[in-house]
Structures are given as C-alpha cells and as structure tokens.
C-alpha cells in the first residue's frame, strides 16, 4: 500500500471500509498484526475473517486456533490463553455497531463542560481520548463521544432508571450521530446481552459490523 493508508493500522482500514459496506472477504482469513496502541491486544471478528492485534509471533497465535473454525478467535479458551500470555485479562465481548455521521431529529443534546464522576464518563475516559460529554435538558441520560480503538469515533450512552422505556435513548443516539462529520463513521460497542441498548442503537439506524474483545 502507498499513501496515507500505508500509515494506518490494518484494523483502522478494515473498520472504515466495512462501515461503508466493503467488508473483508469471508474466506476464513486469520490476520495477526501488531497490537493497536494503547492496548495489549485486540481481537476483532467479522464474518469468517478475524484479526488478532498483538505483539506476539504470528505462528504462536495461530497454533492456538484450529483450522476451519471461523469463530475460534472469540472462544473463551483462546481469549483466556491470550490474556495469560500477555499477563492481563480480556475485556468484555462486544457487538460493534456503526453509523455514518448524519443529522437526526432526536432530542437536543447539551454539552457538559464541568468534571463528571458518572461511571459512563469514567469508563469512556479510560478507553478513549478527546472525550466529549452531552446530556438532554433534563439530564436524564449521558452520551459520550471520543476517539477509541485505532482512532475511530466511539459513542456510548447511559440512561437513569426513570428515563428508560421512553424512547429517550434512541432519540439521544439519533442526535449524537450529528456530532461527527457526515462522511465519517461512528462506532458503538454493546454487550450482546444488553438488549435495551442494542434495540436503541438499532432503532437509531446503527448496523452490526463485527464483534471484538480488547485487552487493556
């Protein structure tokens, strides 16, 4: 590769292309690439195409994964081995969803400039940089936006108990899409069991892209 793409991490290239509809080939490929800063490792699985970003010999990593098992990179056995090998623990298994930045007719978001001790904000600041924080006028929910894995835009949402089941989450996510330029993708990581969050992001037009586990 030449030009700007040559300077980008393979995961950045793949995620950006998939966000625009150009998924990697579903041919069973297992790509072992350098760990994306600042993570010890990142495992990302598209349809029959997996990427393990880790600073270990590729042959050692591949020896832990059986041939023809396209989902092997997301098994507990492999993720546990990788964590032990690196002296750390795997993060949560997440579904990654994406939307290209776009205007929406959701609730008005108000930027919050003061320091916040909200758990969602603290988590965002742990995994992302340049974190921005927004809320609705009643401060029933919190939206964060920041730069995460391989520099991508990442969004997260937290609602208080009184704000749930009212469509507020979907409305805030819809508005948050406009916080990034219209031609840039914004990503969300959601636990597969968090049905309410998944429904909110899907209702706001986000599309499932891949699964991932990050090693802090």
N, C-alpha and C. Protein backbone atom coordinates (compact mmCIF):
# COMPACT_ATOMS: atom_id res chain seq x y z
N UNK A 1 0.84 -1.19 0.00
CA UNK A 1 0.00 0.00 0.00
C UNK A 1 0.87 1.24 0.00
N UNK A 2 0.37 2.30 -0.58
CA UNK A 2 1.09 3.56 -0.60
C UNK A 2 0.15 4.66 -0.15
N UNK A 3 0.72 5.84 0.14
CA UNK A 3 -0.11 6.97 0.54
C UNK A 3 -0.54 6.86 1.97
N UNK A 4 -1.58 7.63 2.39
CA UNK A 4 -2.00 7.68 3.78
C UNK A 4 -2.39 6.34 4.34
N UNK A 5 -3.02 5.45 3.51
CA UNK A 5 -3.48 4.16 4.00
C UNK A 5 -2.33 3.34 4.54
N UNK A 6 -1.11 3.49 3.94
CA UNK A 6 0.04 2.70 4.37
C UNK A 6 0.42 3.01 5.81
N UNK A 7 0.07 4.18 6.32
CA UNK A 7 0.44 4.57 7.66
C UNK A 7 -0.62 4.15 8.69
N UNK A 8 -1.71 3.61 8.26
CA UNK A 8 -2.81 3.27 9.15
C UNK A 8 -2.74 1.81 9.58
N UNK A 9 -3.18 1.54 10.79
CA UNK A 9 -3.27 0.16 11.28
C UNK A 9 -4.28 -0.59 10.43
N UNK A 10 -4.00 -1.88 10.19
CA UNK A 10 -4.92 -2.68 9.37
C UNK A 10 -6.34 -2.63 9.91
N UNK A 11 -6.50 -2.64 11.24
CA UNK A 11 -7.85 -2.58 11.80
C UNK A 11 -8.56 -1.29 11.43
N UNK A 12 -7.83 -0.18 11.40
CA UNK A 12 -8.43 1.09 11.00
C UNK A 12 -8.93 1.02 9.57
N UNK A 13 -8.15 0.42 8.69
CA UNK A 13 -8.53 0.30 7.29
C UNK A 13 -9.76 -0.59 7.15
N UNK A 14 -9.75 -1.75 7.82
CA UNK A 14 -10.86 -2.70 7.70
C UNK A 14 -12.15 -2.14 8.28
N UNK A 15 -12.06 -1.50 9.46
CA UNK A 15 -13.27 -0.96 10.09
C UNK A 15 -13.88 0.16 9.27
N UNK A 16 -13.04 1.03 8.73
CA UNK A 16 -13.56 2.12 7.92
C UNK A 16 -14.22 1.60 6.65
N UNK A 17 -13.59 0.62 6.00
CA UNK A 17 -14.16 0.07 4.78
C UNK A 17 -15.47 -0.66 5.06
N UNK A 18 -15.50 -1.46 6.13
CA UNK A 18 -16.72 -2.20 6.46
C UNK A 18 -17.86 -1.26 6.82
N UNK A 19 -17.52 -0.16 7.50
CA UNK A 19 -18.55 0.83 7.85
C UNK A 19 -19.23 1.39 6.61
N UNK A 20 -18.50 1.39 5.49
CA UNK A 20 -19.04 1.92 4.23
C UNK A 20 -19.56 0.81 3.32
N UNK A 21 -19.64 -0.43 3.88
CA UNK A 21 -20.25 -1.53 3.15
C UNK A 21 -19.29 -2.48 2.46
N UNK A 22 -17.98 -2.21 2.55
CA UNK A 22 -16.98 -3.06 1.91
C UNK A 22 -16.34 -3.95 2.96
N UNK A 23 -16.98 -5.09 3.26
CA UNK A 23 -16.49 -6.00 4.28
C UNK A 23 -15.31 -6.80 3.76
N UNK A 24 -14.43 -7.26 4.68
CA UNK A 24 -13.35 -8.14 4.24
C UNK A 24 -13.91 -9.45 3.71
N UNK A 25 -13.16 -10.17 2.88
CA UNK A 25 -13.67 -11.41 2.30
C UNK A 25 -13.96 -12.46 3.36
N UNK A 26 -15.09 -13.13 3.26
CA UNK A 26 -15.47 -14.17 4.22
C UNK A 26 -14.83 -15.48 3.79
N UNK A 27 -13.49 -15.54 3.91
CA UNK A 27 -12.74 -16.68 3.39
C UNK A 27 -11.95 -17.42 4.47
N UNK A 28 -12.26 -17.14 5.75
CA UNK A 28 -11.57 -17.83 6.83
C UNK A 28 -10.23 -17.23 7.20
N UNK A 29 -9.90 -16.07 6.68
CA UNK A 29 -8.61 -15.44 6.97
C UNK A 29 -8.46 -15.15 8.47
N UNK A 30 -7.25 -15.43 9.00
CA UNK A 30 -6.87 -15.01 10.34
C UNK A 30 -5.65 -14.13 10.18
N UNK A 31 -5.80 -12.83 10.38
CA UNK A 31 -4.70 -11.88 10.25
C UNK A 31 -4.13 -11.59 11.63
N UNK A 32 -2.85 -11.77 11.79
CA UNK A 32 -2.16 -11.43 13.03
C UNK A 32 -1.31 -10.20 12.76
N UNK A 33 -1.62 -9.10 13.44
CA UNK A 33 -0.99 -7.81 13.17
C UNK A 33 -0.51 -7.22 14.49
N UNK A 34 0.31 -6.17 14.46
CA UNK A 34 0.79 -5.55 15.71
C UNK A 34 -0.37 -5.05 16.57
N UNK A 35 -0.14 -5.04 17.86
CA UNK A 35 -1.16 -4.56 18.80
C UNK A 35 -1.44 -3.08 18.54
N UNK A 36 -2.71 -2.68 18.53
CA UNK A 36 -3.04 -1.26 18.34
C UNK A 36 -2.83 -0.49 19.64
N UNK A 37 -2.03 0.54 19.60
CA UNK A 37 -1.79 1.39 20.77
C UNK A 37 -3.11 1.99 21.26
N UNK A 38 -3.38 2.01 22.58
CA UNK A 38 -2.53 1.62 23.70
C UNK A 38 -2.87 0.24 24.25
N UNK A 39 -3.55 -0.60 23.50
CA UNK A 39 -3.99 -1.89 24.01
C UNK A 39 -2.89 -2.93 23.93
N UNK A 40 -2.92 -3.89 24.88
CA UNK A 40 -2.01 -5.02 24.80
C UNK A 40 -2.40 -5.92 23.63
N UNK A 41 -3.70 -5.98 23.37
CA UNK A 41 -4.19 -6.80 22.26
C UNK A 41 -5.62 -6.40 21.93
N UNK A 42 -6.04 -6.72 20.72
CA UNK A 42 -7.41 -6.53 20.29
C UNK A 42 -7.75 -7.68 19.35
N UNK A 43 -8.89 -8.31 19.59
CA UNK A 43 -9.37 -9.39 18.72
C UNK A 43 -10.69 -8.93 18.11
N UNK A 44 -10.73 -8.88 16.80
CA UNK A 44 -11.91 -8.39 16.08
C UNK A 44 -12.32 -9.45 15.06
N UNK A 45 -13.60 -9.82 15.09
CA UNK A 45 -14.10 -10.87 14.20
C UNK A 45 -15.23 -10.34 13.33
N UNK A 46 -14.96 -10.31 12.01
CA UNK A 46 -16.00 -10.08 11.02
C UNK A 46 -16.57 -11.44 10.61
N UNK A 47 -17.42 -11.49 9.60
CA UNK A 47 -17.93 -12.76 9.10
C UNK A 47 -16.79 -13.54 8.46
N UNK A 48 -16.39 -14.66 9.10
CA UNK A 48 -15.36 -15.56 8.57
C UNK A 48 -14.06 -14.83 8.22
N UNK A 49 -13.72 -13.82 9.03
CA UNK A 49 -12.48 -13.07 8.85
C UNK A 49 -12.14 -12.46 10.20
N UNK A 50 -11.02 -12.89 10.77
CA UNK A 50 -10.65 -12.43 12.11
C UNK A 50 -9.30 -11.73 12.09
N UNK A 51 -9.16 -10.75 12.98
CA UNK A 51 -7.91 -10.02 13.16
C UNK A 51 -7.52 -10.10 14.62
N UNK A 52 -6.29 -10.55 14.87
CA UNK A 52 -5.73 -10.55 16.22
C UNK A 52 -4.59 -9.53 16.21
N UNK A 53 -4.79 -8.43 16.90
CA UNK A 53 -3.76 -7.41 17.01
C UNK A 53 -2.98 -7.62 18.29
N UNK A 54 -1.76 -8.13 18.18
CA UNK A 54 -0.97 -8.45 19.37
C UNK A 54 0.50 -8.53 18.97
N UNK A 55 1.37 -8.13 19.86
CA UNK A 55 2.81 -8.17 19.58
C UNK A 55 3.40 -9.50 20.04
N UNK A 56 2.92 -10.56 19.40
CA UNK A 56 3.41 -11.92 19.62
C UNK A 56 3.68 -12.54 18.25
N UNK A 57 4.54 -13.57 18.19
CA UNK A 57 4.78 -14.24 16.91
C UNK A 57 3.49 -14.79 16.31
N UNK A 58 3.26 -14.55 15.03
CA UNK A 58 2.03 -14.98 14.37
C UNK A 58 1.86 -16.49 14.47
N UNK A 59 2.95 -17.26 14.33
CA UNK A 59 2.85 -18.72 14.38
C UNK A 59 2.37 -19.19 15.75
N UNK A 60 2.81 -18.51 16.80
CA UNK A 60 2.38 -18.89 18.15
C UNK A 60 0.88 -18.64 18.32
N UNK A 61 0.40 -17.52 17.79
CA UNK A 61 -1.03 -17.21 17.90
C UNK A 61 -1.85 -18.21 17.09
N UNK A 62 -1.44 -18.48 15.87
CA UNK A 62 -2.20 -19.38 15.00
C UNK A 62 -2.22 -20.80 15.54
N UNK A 63 -1.19 -21.19 16.27
CA UNK A 63 -1.14 -22.55 16.83
C UNK A 63 -2.24 -22.78 17.85
N UNK A 64 -2.79 -21.70 18.40
CA UNK A 64 -3.86 -21.81 19.39
C UNK A 64 -5.25 -21.88 18.76
N UNK A 65 -5.32 -21.72 17.44
CA UNK A 65 -6.62 -21.63 16.77
C UNK A 65 -6.76 -22.76 15.76
N UNK A 66 -7.78 -23.60 15.92
CA UNK A 66 -7.97 -24.72 14.99
C UNK A 66 -8.34 -24.24 13.59
N UNK A 67 -7.84 -24.95 12.59
CA UNK A 67 -8.20 -24.63 11.21
C UNK A 67 -9.68 -24.86 10.97
N UNK A 68 -10.24 -24.07 10.07
CA UNK A 68 -11.62 -24.21 9.62
C UNK A 68 -12.66 -23.83 10.68
N UNK A 69 -12.23 -23.34 11.81
CA UNK A 69 -13.18 -22.86 12.82
C UNK A 69 -13.18 -21.34 12.77
N UNK A 70 -14.11 -20.79 12.01
CA UNK A 70 -14.11 -19.35 11.77
C UNK A 70 -14.40 -18.52 13.02
N UNK A 71 -14.97 -19.14 14.03
CA UNK A 71 -15.28 -18.40 15.25
C UNK A 71 -14.30 -18.63 16.37
N UNK A 72 -13.19 -19.32 16.09
CA UNK A 72 -12.27 -19.72 17.16
C UNK A 72 -11.63 -18.55 17.88
N UNK A 73 -11.43 -17.43 17.18
CA UNK A 73 -10.76 -16.30 17.82
C UNK A 73 -11.59 -15.68 18.93
N UNK A 74 -12.89 -15.99 19.00
CA UNK A 74 -13.76 -15.42 20.02
C UNK A 74 -14.12 -16.44 21.10
N UNK A 75 -13.48 -17.60 21.10
CA UNK A 75 -13.78 -18.59 22.13
C UNK A 75 -13.12 -18.20 23.45
N UNK A 76 -13.73 -18.65 24.55
CA UNK A 76 -13.17 -18.37 25.86
C UNK A 76 -11.77 -18.95 26.00
N UNK A 77 -11.55 -20.13 25.40
CA UNK A 77 -10.25 -20.79 25.53
C UNK A 77 -9.14 -19.92 24.92
N UNK A 78 -9.36 -19.40 23.72
CA UNK A 78 -8.32 -18.59 23.08
C UNK A 78 -8.13 -17.26 23.80
N UNK A 79 -9.22 -16.60 24.15
CA UNK A 79 -9.11 -15.30 24.81
C UNK A 79 -8.43 -15.43 26.18
N UNK A 80 -8.71 -16.53 26.89
CA UNK A 80 -8.06 -16.77 28.17
C UNK A 80 -6.57 -17.01 27.97
N UNK A 81 -6.23 -17.83 26.98
CA UNK A 81 -4.81 -18.09 26.69
C UNK A 81 -4.09 -16.78 26.36
N UNK A 82 -4.70 -15.95 25.53
CA UNK A 82 -4.07 -14.71 25.12
C UNK A 82 -3.86 -13.79 26.33
N UNK A 83 -4.85 -13.71 27.19
CA UNK A 83 -4.71 -12.89 28.39
C UNK A 83 -3.59 -13.39 29.29
N UNK A 84 -3.52 -14.71 29.48
CA UNK A 84 -2.45 -15.27 30.32
C UNK A 84 -1.08 -15.04 29.69
N UNK A 85 -1.02 -15.16 28.39
CA UNK A 85 0.26 -14.97 27.70
C UNK A 85 0.76 -13.53 27.85
N UNK A 86 -0.18 -12.58 27.90
CA UNK A 86 0.17 -11.17 27.99
C UNK A 86 0.21 -10.65 29.43
N UNK A 87 -0.23 -11.48 30.37
CA UNK A 87 -0.26 -11.04 31.76
C UNK A 87 -1.36 -10.04 32.05
N UNK A 88 -2.46 -10.16 31.34
CA UNK A 88 -3.60 -9.27 31.56
C UNK A 88 -4.88 -10.09 31.42
N UNK A 89 -6.02 -9.44 31.43
CA UNK A 89 -7.29 -10.15 31.31
C UNK A 89 -8.08 -9.59 30.13
N UNK A 90 -8.85 -10.43 29.45
CA UNK A 90 -9.66 -9.92 28.35
C UNK A 90 -10.74 -8.98 28.85
N UNK A 91 -11.05 -7.99 28.02
CA UNK A 91 -12.19 -7.13 28.31
C UNK A 91 -13.48 -7.83 27.93
N UNK A 92 -14.54 -7.07 27.89
CA UNK A 92 -15.86 -7.63 27.58
C UNK A 92 -15.99 -7.95 26.10
N UNK A 93 -16.70 -9.01 25.80
CA UNK A 93 -17.07 -9.32 24.42
C UNK A 93 -18.20 -8.38 24.02
N UNK A 94 -17.97 -7.61 22.95
CA UNK A 94 -18.96 -6.63 22.50
C UNK A 94 -19.36 -6.86 21.05
N UNK A 95 -20.60 -6.52 20.76
CA UNK A 95 -21.03 -6.33 19.38
C UNK A 95 -20.66 -4.90 19.00
N UNK A 96 -20.06 -4.72 17.83
CA UNK A 96 -19.71 -3.38 17.36
C UNK A 96 -20.72 -2.97 16.30
N UNK A 97 -21.33 -1.80 16.49
CA UNK A 97 -22.30 -1.26 15.55
C UNK A 97 -21.76 0.03 14.98
N UNK A 98 -22.28 0.45 13.83
CA UNK A 98 -21.73 1.62 13.16
C UNK A 98 -22.82 2.41 12.44
N UNK A 99 -22.57 3.70 12.31
CA UNK A 99 -23.42 4.59 11.51
C UNK A 99 -22.53 5.69 10.98
N UNK A 100 -22.74 6.09 9.74
CA UNK A 100 -22.04 7.25 9.25
C UNK A 100 -22.67 8.50 9.85
N UNK A 101 -21.83 9.48 10.20
CA UNK A 101 -22.35 10.70 10.81
C UNK A 101 -23.46 11.30 9.96
N UNK A 102 -24.56 11.65 10.61
CA UNK A 102 -25.70 12.18 9.88
C UNK A 102 -26.58 12.98 10.82
N UNK A 103 -27.28 13.96 10.29
CA UNK A 103 -28.21 14.72 11.10
C UNK A 103 -29.39 13.84 11.48
N UNK A 104 -30.01 14.19 12.57
CA UNK A 104 -31.16 13.43 13.02
C UNK A 104 -32.14 14.33 13.74
N UNK A 105 -33.33 13.84 13.96
CA UNK A 105 -34.39 14.64 14.58
C UNK A 105 -34.63 14.22 16.02
N UNK A 106 -33.55 13.89 16.73
CA UNK A 106 -33.69 13.47 18.10
C UNK A 106 -33.75 14.65 19.06
N UNK A 107 -33.59 14.33 20.33
CA UNK A 107 -33.64 15.34 21.38
C UNK A 107 -32.40 16.24 21.30
N UNK A 108 -32.54 17.47 21.75
CA UNK A 108 -31.40 18.39 21.75
C UNK A 108 -30.38 17.94 22.80
N UNK A 109 -29.12 17.88 22.39
CA UNK A 109 -28.04 17.49 23.30
C UNK A 109 -27.32 18.74 23.80
N UNK A 110 -27.06 18.77 25.09
CA UNK A 110 -26.39 19.90 25.72
C UNK A 110 -24.99 19.45 26.14
N UNK A 111 -23.92 20.15 25.68
CA UNK A 111 -22.58 19.77 26.11
C UNK A 111 -22.38 20.06 27.59
N UNK A 112 -21.73 19.14 28.27
CA UNK A 112 -21.42 19.30 29.69
C UNK A 112 -19.92 19.54 29.80
N UNK A 113 -19.55 20.70 30.29
CA UNK A 113 -18.14 21.08 30.30
C UNK A 113 -17.48 20.84 31.65
N UNK A 114 -18.25 20.73 32.71
CA UNK A 114 -17.65 20.55 34.02
C UNK A 114 -17.24 19.09 34.20
N UNK A 115 -16.44 18.85 35.22
CA UNK A 115 -15.99 17.49 35.51
C UNK A 115 -17.18 16.65 35.99
N UNK A 116 -17.16 15.39 35.59
CA UNK A 116 -18.26 14.49 35.98
C UNK A 116 -17.67 13.20 36.54
N UNK A 117 -18.35 12.66 37.56
CA UNK A 117 -17.92 11.40 38.13
C UNK A 117 -18.86 10.26 37.73
N UNK A 118 -19.67 10.49 36.67
CA UNK A 118 -20.58 9.46 36.20
C UNK A 118 -19.77 8.25 35.74
N UNK A 119 -20.19 7.03 36.12
CA UNK A 119 -19.44 5.83 35.73
C UNK A 119 -19.25 5.70 34.22
N UNK A 120 -20.24 6.10 33.44
CA UNK A 120 -20.13 6.01 31.99
C UNK A 120 -19.04 6.95 31.47
N UNK A 121 -18.95 8.13 32.05
CA UNK A 121 -17.92 9.07 31.65
C UNK A 121 -16.54 8.56 32.05
N UNK A 122 -16.44 8.02 33.26
CA UNK A 122 -15.16 7.48 33.73
C UNK A 122 -14.69 6.34 32.84
N UNK A 123 -15.60 5.48 32.43
CA UNK A 123 -15.23 4.37 31.56
C UNK A 123 -14.79 4.88 30.19
N UNK A 124 -15.51 5.86 29.67
CA UNK A 124 -15.14 6.42 28.38
C UNK A 124 -13.74 7.03 28.42
N UNK A 125 -13.43 7.71 29.50
CA UNK A 125 -12.12 8.34 29.63
C UNK A 125 -11.01 7.32 29.81
N UNK A 126 -11.36 6.14 30.31
CA UNK A 126 -10.37 5.07 30.48
C UNK A 126 -9.96 4.49 29.13
N UNK A 127 -10.91 4.39 28.19
CA UNK A 127 -10.66 3.70 26.93
C UNK A 127 -10.53 4.64 25.73
N UNK A 128 -10.83 5.93 25.91
CA UNK A 128 -10.85 6.86 24.78
C UNK A 128 -10.14 8.15 25.15
N UNK A 129 -9.78 8.92 24.15
CA UNK A 129 -9.23 10.25 24.39
C UNK A 129 -10.09 11.28 23.68
N UNK A 130 -9.88 12.55 24.00
CA UNK A 130 -10.70 13.65 23.46
C UNK A 130 -12.19 13.40 23.72
N UNK A 131 -12.50 12.95 24.92
CA UNK A 131 -13.89 12.59 25.24
C UNK A 131 -14.74 13.84 25.44
N UNK A 132 -15.88 13.85 24.77
CA UNK A 132 -16.88 14.90 24.93
C UNK A 132 -18.11 14.30 25.62
N UNK A 133 -18.77 15.08 26.45
CA UNK A 133 -19.91 14.59 27.22
C UNK A 133 -21.13 15.47 26.95
N UNK A 134 -22.26 14.84 26.73
CA UNK A 134 -23.51 15.55 26.44
C UNK A 134 -24.64 14.94 27.25
N UNK A 135 -25.68 15.73 27.43
CA UNK A 135 -26.88 15.24 28.10
C UNK A 135 -28.10 15.90 27.48
N UNK A 136 -29.27 15.40 27.83
CA UNK A 136 -30.51 16.07 27.45
C UNK A 136 -30.77 17.20 28.44
N UNK A 137 -31.76 18.02 28.17
CA UNK A 137 -32.00 19.21 29.01
C UNK A 137 -32.36 18.83 30.45
N UNK A 138 -32.99 17.68 30.63
CA UNK A 138 -33.36 17.25 31.98
C UNK A 138 -32.27 16.43 32.64
N UNK A 139 -31.18 16.20 31.91
CA UNK A 139 -30.06 15.40 32.40
C UNK A 139 -30.51 14.02 32.88
N UNK A 140 -31.36 13.41 32.07
CA UNK A 140 -31.82 12.05 32.35
C UNK A 140 -30.87 11.00 31.77
N UNK A 141 -30.04 11.42 30.82
CA UNK A 141 -29.11 10.49 30.19
C UNK A 141 -27.79 11.16 29.89
N UNK A 142 -26.78 10.36 29.63
CA UNK A 142 -25.45 10.86 29.31
C UNK A 142 -24.96 10.19 28.05
N UNK A 143 -24.45 10.99 27.11
CA UNK A 143 -23.82 10.49 25.89
C UNK A 143 -22.36 10.91 25.91
N UNK A 144 -21.46 9.98 25.61
CA UNK A 144 -20.05 10.33 25.46
C UNK A 144 -19.61 10.05 24.03
N UNK A 145 -18.69 10.86 23.57
CA UNK A 145 -18.10 10.68 22.24
C UNK A 145 -16.61 10.92 22.36
N UNK A 146 -15.82 10.00 21.83
CA UNK A 146 -14.37 10.15 21.91
C UNK A 146 -13.68 9.29 20.87
N UNK A 147 -12.36 9.40 20.84
CA UNK A 147 -11.54 8.61 19.93
C UNK A 147 -11.07 7.36 20.66
N UNK A 148 -11.40 6.19 20.09
CA UNK A 148 -11.06 4.94 20.73
C UNK A 148 -10.10 4.10 19.91
N UNK A 149 -10.41 2.83 19.75
CA UNK A 149 -9.56 1.88 19.06
C UNK A 149 -9.17 2.40 17.68
N UNK A 150 -7.86 2.38 17.38
CA UNK A 150 -7.26 2.86 16.13
C UNK A 150 -7.81 4.24 15.70
N UNK A 151 -8.13 5.06 16.69
CA UNK A 151 -8.54 6.43 16.41
C UNK A 151 -9.96 6.62 15.93
N UNK A 152 -10.76 5.57 15.97
CA UNK A 152 -12.14 5.70 15.47
C UNK A 152 -13.00 6.50 16.45
N UNK A 153 -14.06 7.12 15.94
CA UNK A 153 -15.04 7.77 16.79
C UNK A 153 -15.88 6.69 17.48
N UNK A 154 -16.05 6.81 18.79
CA UNK A 154 -16.85 5.86 19.55
C UNK A 154 -17.86 6.61 20.42
N UNK A 155 -19.07 6.08 20.46
CA UNK A 155 -20.15 6.69 21.22
C UNK A 155 -20.64 5.72 22.28
N UNK A 156 -21.04 6.24 23.42
CA UNK A 156 -21.67 5.41 24.45
C UNK A 156 -22.83 6.18 25.06
N UNK A 157 -23.73 5.44 25.68
CA UNK A 157 -24.96 6.03 26.22
C UNK A 157 -25.28 5.39 27.55
N UNK A 158 -25.75 6.19 28.48
CA UNK A 158 -26.24 5.69 29.76
C UNK A 158 -27.49 6.47 30.14
N UNK A 159 -28.54 5.75 30.52
CA UNK A 159 -29.78 6.37 30.97
C UNK A 159 -30.05 6.00 32.42
N UNK A 160 -30.60 6.95 33.17
CA UNK A 160 -31.05 6.64 34.50
C UNK A 160 -32.31 5.79 34.46
N UNK A 161 -32.64 5.06 35.52
CA UNK A 161 -33.82 4.17 35.53
C UNK A 161 -35.11 4.88 35.14
N UNK A 162 -35.28 6.14 35.55
CA UNK A 162 -36.53 6.85 35.27
C UNK A 162 -36.67 7.21 33.80
N UNK A 163 -35.58 7.14 33.05
CA UNK A 163 -35.61 7.57 31.65
C UNK A 163 -35.78 6.41 30.68
N UNK A 164 -35.80 5.21 31.17
CA UNK A 164 -35.84 4.05 30.28
C UNK A 164 -37.25 3.76 29.79
N UNK A 165 -37.31 3.06 28.65
CA UNK A 165 -38.57 2.64 28.03
C UNK A 165 -39.43 3.83 27.61
N UNK A 166 -38.78 4.95 27.28
CA UNK A 166 -39.50 6.13 26.81
C UNK A 166 -39.01 6.57 25.43
N UNK A 167 -38.07 5.84 24.87
CA UNK A 167 -37.53 6.22 23.56
C UNK A 167 -36.44 7.28 23.64
N UNK A 168 -36.06 7.68 24.88
CA UNK A 168 -35.07 8.74 25.02
C UNK A 168 -33.70 8.29 24.53
N UNK A 169 -33.34 7.03 24.81
CA UNK A 169 -32.04 6.54 24.38
C UNK A 169 -31.89 6.59 22.87
N UNK A 170 -32.87 6.11 22.16
CA UNK A 170 -32.84 6.14 20.69
C UNK A 170 -32.77 7.58 20.18
N UNK A 171 -33.52 8.47 20.84
CA UNK A 171 -33.53 9.87 20.42
C UNK A 171 -32.17 10.53 20.65
N UNK A 172 -31.52 10.23 21.78
CA UNK A 172 -30.22 10.82 22.06
C UNK A 172 -29.16 10.28 21.10
N UNK A 173 -29.24 9.00 20.79
CA UNK A 173 -28.29 8.41 19.84
C UNK A 173 -28.48 9.03 18.46
N UNK A 174 -29.73 9.21 18.05
CA UNK A 174 -30.01 9.83 16.76
C UNK A 174 -29.39 11.22 16.68
N UNK A 175 -29.52 11.99 17.75
CA UNK A 175 -28.91 13.32 17.76
C UNK A 175 -27.39 13.25 17.77
N UNK A 176 -26.85 12.27 18.48
CA UNK A 176 -25.40 12.15 18.61
C UNK A 176 -24.73 11.81 17.29
N UNK A 177 -25.46 11.22 16.35
CA UNK A 177 -24.87 10.92 15.05
C UNK A 177 -24.35 12.17 14.36
N UNK A 178 -24.95 13.30 14.67
CA UNK A 178 -24.56 14.56 14.03
C UNK A 178 -23.32 15.18 14.66
N UNK A 179 -22.78 14.56 15.70
CA UNK A 179 -21.60 15.11 16.36
C UNK A 179 -20.31 14.81 15.61
N UNK A 180 -20.37 13.94 14.61
CA UNK A 180 -19.20 13.65 13.77
C UNK A 180 -19.53 14.09 12.34
N UNK A 181 -18.52 14.38 11.52
CA UNK A 181 -18.79 14.77 10.13
C UNK A 181 -19.60 13.72 9.40
N UNK A 182 -20.39 14.16 8.42
CA UNK A 182 -21.35 13.29 7.76
C UNK A 182 -20.70 12.14 7.00
N UNK A 183 -19.42 12.28 6.64
CA UNK A 183 -18.77 11.21 5.88
C UNK A 183 -17.89 10.32 6.75
N UNK A 184 -17.95 10.49 8.08
CA UNK A 184 -17.13 9.67 8.97
C UNK A 184 -18.00 8.70 9.75
N UNK A 185 -17.52 7.48 9.94
CA UNK A 185 -18.30 6.52 10.73
C UNK A 185 -18.13 6.76 12.22
N UNK A 186 -19.18 6.47 12.97
CA UNK A 186 -19.12 6.49 14.43
C UNK A 186 -19.54 5.10 14.90
N UNK A 187 -18.80 4.56 15.86
CA UNK A 187 -18.96 3.18 16.29
C UNK A 187 -19.52 3.12 17.71
N UNK A 188 -20.21 2.03 18.01
CA UNK A 188 -20.71 1.77 19.36
C UNK A 188 -20.41 0.32 19.71
N UNK A 189 -19.94 0.11 20.93
CA UNK A 189 -19.67 -1.23 21.42
C UNK A 189 -20.73 -1.57 22.47
N UNK A 190 -21.45 -2.66 22.25
CA UNK A 190 -22.57 -3.03 23.13
C UNK A 190 -22.44 -4.49 23.51
N UNK A 191 -22.62 -4.78 24.78
CA UNK A 191 -22.63 -6.17 25.23
C UNK A 191 -23.81 -6.90 24.58
N UNK A 192 -23.61 -8.14 24.08
CA UNK A 192 -24.70 -8.84 23.40
C UNK A 192 -25.94 -9.03 24.27
N UNK A 193 -25.74 -9.11 25.59
CA UNK A 193 -26.88 -9.32 26.47
C UNK A 193 -27.64 -8.05 26.82
N UNK A 194 -27.12 -6.90 26.43
CA UNK A 194 -27.76 -5.62 26.76
C UNK A 194 -28.81 -5.32 25.69
N UNK A 195 -29.93 -6.01 25.79
CA UNK A 195 -30.96 -5.92 24.75
C UNK A 195 -31.50 -4.50 24.60
N UNK A 196 -31.67 -3.80 25.71
CA UNK A 196 -32.22 -2.44 25.63
C UNK A 196 -31.29 -1.52 24.84
N UNK A 197 -29.99 -1.61 25.11
CA UNK A 197 -29.04 -0.76 24.39
C UNK A 197 -28.97 -1.16 22.92
N UNK A 198 -28.95 -2.46 22.65
CA UNK A 198 -28.92 -2.92 21.26
C UNK A 198 -30.12 -2.40 20.49
N UNK A 199 -31.29 -2.48 21.09
CA UNK A 199 -32.51 -2.01 20.42
C UNK A 199 -32.46 -0.50 20.19
N UNK A 200 -31.90 0.22 21.14
CA UNK A 200 -31.82 1.68 20.99
C UNK A 200 -30.91 2.05 19.82
N UNK A 201 -29.75 1.40 19.74
CA UNK A 201 -28.83 1.72 18.65
C UNK A 201 -29.37 1.26 17.31
N UNK A 202 -29.98 0.08 17.27
CA UNK A 202 -30.58 -0.38 16.02
C UNK A 202 -31.72 0.55 15.60
N UNK A 203 -32.52 0.99 16.57
CA UNK A 203 -33.62 1.90 16.27
C UNK A 203 -33.14 3.25 15.76
N UNK A 204 -31.90 3.61 16.12
CA UNK A 204 -31.32 4.88 15.66
C UNK A 204 -30.56 4.70 14.35
N UNK A 205 -30.67 3.52 13.75
CA UNK A 205 -30.08 3.31 12.43
C UNK A 205 -28.70 2.70 12.41
N UNK A 206 -28.14 2.35 13.58
CA UNK A 206 -26.84 1.71 13.59
C UNK A 206 -26.95 0.28 13.06
N UNK A 207 -25.86 -0.21 12.46
CA UNK A 207 -25.85 -1.55 11.87
C UNK A 207 -24.76 -2.39 12.52
N UNK A 208 -25.04 -3.68 12.78
CA UNK A 208 -23.99 -4.56 13.32
C UNK A 208 -22.85 -4.70 12.32
N UNK A 209 -21.61 -4.70 12.85
CA UNK A 209 -20.44 -4.73 12.00
C UNK A 209 -19.54 -5.92 12.28
N UNK A 210 -19.25 -6.16 13.56
CA UNK A 210 -18.33 -7.22 13.94
C UNK A 210 -18.46 -7.43 15.44
N UNK A 211 -17.65 -8.35 15.96
CA UNK A 211 -17.51 -8.49 17.40
C UNK A 211 -16.07 -8.21 17.78
N UNK A 212 -15.84 -7.83 19.05
CA UNK A 212 -14.46 -7.54 19.44
C UNK A 212 -14.27 -7.73 20.93
N UNK A 213 -13.03 -8.02 21.29
CA UNK A 213 -12.59 -8.08 22.68
C UNK A 213 -11.27 -7.31 22.75
N UNK A 214 -11.19 -6.36 23.69
CA UNK A 214 -10.00 -5.54 23.86
C UNK A 214 -9.28 -5.94 25.14
N UNK A 215 -7.95 -5.91 25.10
CA UNK A 215 -7.13 -6.24 26.25
C UNK A 215 -6.42 -4.96 26.72
N UNK A 216 -6.84 -4.41 27.85
CA UNK A 216 -6.25 -3.16 28.30
C UNK A 216 -4.80 -3.35 28.74
